[in-house]
Amino acid sequence: MKATGIVRRIDDLGRVVIPKEIRRTMRIREGDPLEIFTNNDGEVIFKKYSPMGEMASFAADFAAALADGTELTVCICDRDHCIAVGGGAKKDLLEKSVSGDLEKICEQRKIFQNENENIKAFDGAQQNLLAASPIIAAGDIVGCVALLSNDKKQTADSHDIKLIEIATRFLSARSE
């Protein structure tokens, strides 16, 4: 744990403000759920809660099955990073931060199919985004399923799109 040097007081309703700089760095948005932990040393720790993170091992098996069906790299993400990879490049993609481009695509709340643009799904990743579908649970975007490829000319076909659409519906239901 790292000290920030920032001190805040609790108001009369028991609230404390998390400074804007910390919210920005940690990608905490208005309405994001935070999990609260305490320990015997009197520390109170806030951690971003990810319903997708709760099912990471299940998501890994699901991503592998989707990768077999599409013959592409399949990533399942929460709002901030890749939690499961099926197909190639697992070491390169797992735990990578979601790119600003993928974040904007998910915020549109519809399936995205890339039309020859060079879009990276993750910060520092080499693979191109072919398609993405947001996972929406209880009206909130909780993550996405993304198809990636190293081939810049490859596109996702209608079969691939249908598979990630089904996957996001299933994961949405499991996230609620």
Protein backbone atom coordinates (compact mmCIF):
# COMPACT_ATOMS: atom_id res chain seq x y z
CA MET A 1 0.00 0.00 0.00
CA LYS A 2 1.29 3.43 -0.92
CA ALA A 3 0.65 6.65 1.03
CA THR A 4 -0.70 9.61 -0.96
CA GLY A 5 -0.23 12.28 1.68
CA ILE A 6 -3.86 13.33 1.23
CA VAL A 7 -5.97 13.62 4.39
CA ARG A 8 -9.75 13.99 4.31
CA ARG A 9 -12.29 14.38 7.12
CA ILE A 10 -15.48 12.38 7.45
CA ASP A 11 -18.60 14.57 7.32
CA ASP A 12 -21.59 14.34 9.67
CA LEU A 13 -23.22 11.71 7.40
CA GLY A 14 -20.14 9.46 7.47
CA ARG A 15 -18.98 10.36 3.97
CA VAL A 16 -15.47 10.96 2.77
CA VAL A 17 -14.50 12.42 -0.61
CA ILE A 18 -12.03 10.49 -2.73
CA PRO A 19 -9.89 13.14 -4.44
CA LYS A 20 -10.32 13.66 -8.17
CA GLU A 21 -6.68 12.77 -8.90
CA ILE A 22 -7.09 9.36 -7.25
CA ARG A 23 -10.45 8.73 -8.95
CA ARG A 24 -8.90 9.55 -12.33
CA THR A 25 -5.78 7.38 -11.81
CA MET A 26 -7.78 4.46 -10.45
CA ARG A 27 -10.53 4.93 -13.09
CA ILE A 28 -13.24 5.30 -10.45
CA ARG A 29 -16.36 6.83 -11.95
CA GLU A 30 -19.49 8.20 -10.38
CA GLY A 31 -21.73 5.30 -9.42
CA ASP A 32 -18.92 2.69 -9.41
CA PRO A 33 -19.32 0.15 -6.60
CA LEU A 34 -16.50 0.03 -4.05
CA GLU A 35 -15.84 -2.90 -1.76
CA ILE A 36 -14.76 -1.99 1.78
CA PHE A 37 -12.18 -4.00 3.73
CA THR A 38 -10.85 -3.51 7.24
CA ASN A 39 -7.97 -5.10 9.10
CA ASN A 40 -6.80 -5.40 12.69
CA ASP A 41 -4.45 -2.41 12.31
CA GLY A 42 -7.39 -0.01 11.93
CA GLU A 43 -7.00 0.35 8.17
CA VAL A 44 -10.04 0.84 5.96
CA ILE A 45 -9.39 -0.12 2.34
CA PHE A 46 -11.62 0.71 -0.60
CA LYS A 47 -11.33 -1.53 -3.65
CA LYS A 48 -13.18 -1.19 -6.91
CA TYR A 49 -15.75 -3.96 -7.05
CA SER A 50 -16.01 -5.87 -10.32
CA PRO A 51 -18.85 -8.36 -10.75
CA MET A 52 -16.89 -9.70 -13.74
CA GLY A 53 -13.83 -10.26 -11.56
CA GLU A 54 -15.91 -12.58 -9.40
CA MET A 55 -16.19 -15.01 -12.30
CA ALA A 56 -12.67 -14.84 -13.75
CA SER A 57 -12.06 -18.61 -13.75
CA PHE A 58 -15.42 -19.26 -15.40
CA ALA A 59 -14.71 -16.46 -17.91
CA ALA A 60 -11.36 -18.08 -18.81
CA ASP A 61 -13.09 -21.35 -19.75
CA PHE A 62 -15.77 -19.46 -21.65
CA ALA A 63 -13.17 -17.38 -23.56
CA ALA A 64 -11.30 -20.57 -24.51
CA ALA A 65 -14.50 -22.12 -25.87
CA LEU A 66 -15.29 -18.97 -27.86
CA ALA A 67 -11.73 -18.87 -29.24
CA ASP A 68 -12.15 -22.47 -30.45
CA GLY A 69 -15.41 -21.50 -32.18
CA THR A 70 -14.12 -18.31 -33.80
CA GLU A 71 -10.44 -19.23 -34.30
CA LEU A 72 -9.65 -15.72 -33.02
CA THR A 73 -8.27 -14.35 -29.77
CA VAL A 74 -11.17 -13.73 -27.40
CA CYS A 75 -10.89 -11.42 -24.39
CA ILE A 76 -13.42 -10.98 -21.64
CA CYS A 77 -12.98 -7.73 -19.74
CA ASP A 78 -14.41 -5.87 -16.82
CA ARG A 79 -14.59 -2.07 -17.09
CA ASP A 80 -10.87 -1.65 -16.52
CA HIS A 81 -8.83 -4.64 -17.65
CA CYS A 82 -8.78 -8.04 -19.35
CA ILE A 83 -9.85 -10.79 -16.93
CA ALA A 84 -9.80 -13.77 -19.33
CA VAL A 85 -8.21 -14.68 -22.66
CA GLY A 86 -8.97 -17.51 -25.05
CA GLY A 87 -6.71 -18.27 -27.99
CA GLY A 88 -3.25 -16.78 -28.43
CA ALA A 89 -1.32 -14.15 -26.50
CA LYS A 90 -2.70 -14.90 -23.02
CA LYS A 91 0.46 -13.66 -21.30
CA ASP A 92 0.41 -10.45 -23.34
CA LEU A 93 -3.25 -9.61 -22.75
CA LEU A 94 -4.30 -10.86 -19.32
CA GLU A 95 -4.60 -7.96 -16.84
CA LYS A 96 -3.91 -5.35 -19.58
CA SER A 97 -5.78 -2.06 -19.16
CA VAL A 98 -8.73 -1.43 -21.46
CA SER A 99 -7.88 1.26 -24.02
CA GLY A 100 -9.79 4.52 -24.23
CA ASP A 101 -11.06 3.40 -27.66
CA LEU A 102 -12.56 0.17 -26.30
CA GLU A 103 -14.03 2.07 -23.36
CA LYS A 104 -15.82 4.47 -25.78
CA ILE A 105 -17.02 1.55 -27.90
CA CYS A 106 -18.58 -0.12 -24.85
CA GLU A 107 -20.25 3.11 -23.75
CA GLN A 108 -22.22 3.07 -27.02
CA ARG A 109 -23.99 -0.04 -25.64
CA LYS A 110 -24.10 -1.92 -28.94
CA ILE A 111 -22.05 -4.48 -30.83
CA PHE A 112 -19.09 -2.96 -32.63
CA GLN A 113 -17.65 -4.47 -35.79
CA ASN A 114 -14.39 -2.99 -37.02
CA GLU A 115 -14.27 -1.85 -40.64
CA ASN A 116 -10.51 -1.77 -41.39
CA GLU A 117 -9.52 0.69 -38.65
CA ASN A 118 -6.42 0.14 -36.57
CA ILE A 119 -7.99 0.02 -33.10
CA LYS A 120 -6.18 -1.40 -30.08
CA ALA A 121 -8.38 -2.88 -27.36
CA PHE A 122 -5.73 -2.72 -24.64
CA ASP A 123 -3.00 -0.29 -23.72
CA GLY A 124 0.31 -1.57 -25.05
CA ALA A 125 -1.17 -4.55 -26.92
CA GLN A 126 -0.30 -5.37 -30.53
CA GLN A 127 -3.53 -7.11 -31.60
CA ASN A 128 -6.22 -5.26 -33.53
CA LEU A 129 -9.80 -5.11 -32.32
CA LEU A 130 -12.13 -6.89 -34.76
CA ALA A 131 -15.36 -6.73 -32.78
CA ALA A 132 -16.64 -6.00 -29.28
CA SER A 133 -19.89 -6.38 -27.44
CA PRO A 134 -20.61 -4.72 -24.07
CA ILE A 135 -21.75 -6.80 -21.12
CA ILE A 136 -24.65 -4.97 -19.47
CA ALA A 137 -26.03 -6.07 -16.11
CA ALA A 138 -28.83 -4.28 -14.25
CA GLY A 139 -28.54 -1.42 -16.74
CA ASP A 140 -24.82 -0.85 -16.11
CA ILE A 141 -21.91 -1.66 -18.41
CA VAL A 142 -19.80 -4.17 -16.46
CA GLY A 143 -17.42 -5.26 -19.19
CA CYS A 144 -17.19 -6.59 -22.72
CA VAL A 145 -16.29 -9.50 -24.94
CA ALA A 146 -13.72 -8.57 -27.60
CA LEU A 147 -12.37 -10.39 -30.65
CA LEU A 148 -8.76 -9.65 -31.59
CA SER A 149 -6.36 -10.60 -34.35
CA ASN A 150 -2.73 -10.00 -35.27
CA ASP A 151 -3.74 -9.81 -38.95
CA LYS A 152 -4.59 -6.19 -39.80
CA LYS A 153 -6.68 -7.28 -42.80
CA GLN A 154 -8.81 -9.84 -40.97
CA THR A 155 -12.42 -9.05 -40.14
CA ALA A 156 -15.02 -10.74 -37.96
CA ASP A 157 -17.76 -12.51 -39.90
CA SER A 158 -21.45 -12.68 -38.98
CA HIS A 159 -20.91 -16.03 -37.22
CA ASP A 160 -18.24 -14.46 -34.95
CA ILE A 161 -20.50 -11.50 -34.19
CA LYS A 162 -23.40 -13.80 -33.30
CA LEU A 163 -21.16 -15.79 -30.93
CA ILE A 164 -20.00 -12.71 -28.99
CA GLU A 165 -23.59 -11.42 -28.88
CA ILE A 166 -24.71 -14.70 -27.29
CA ALA A 167 -21.70 -14.63 -24.96
CA THR A 168 -22.48 -11.13 -23.70
CA ARG A 169 -26.12 -12.03 -23.08
CA PHE A 170 -25.04 -15.05 -21.06
CA LEU A 171 -22.39 -13.14 -19.09
CA SER A 172 -24.86 -10.30 -18.48
CA ALA A 173 -27.28 -12.74 -16.88
CA ARG A 174 -24.51 -14.25 -14.71
CA SER A 175 -23.34 -10.79 -13.59
CA GLU A 176 -26.66 -9.70 -12.11
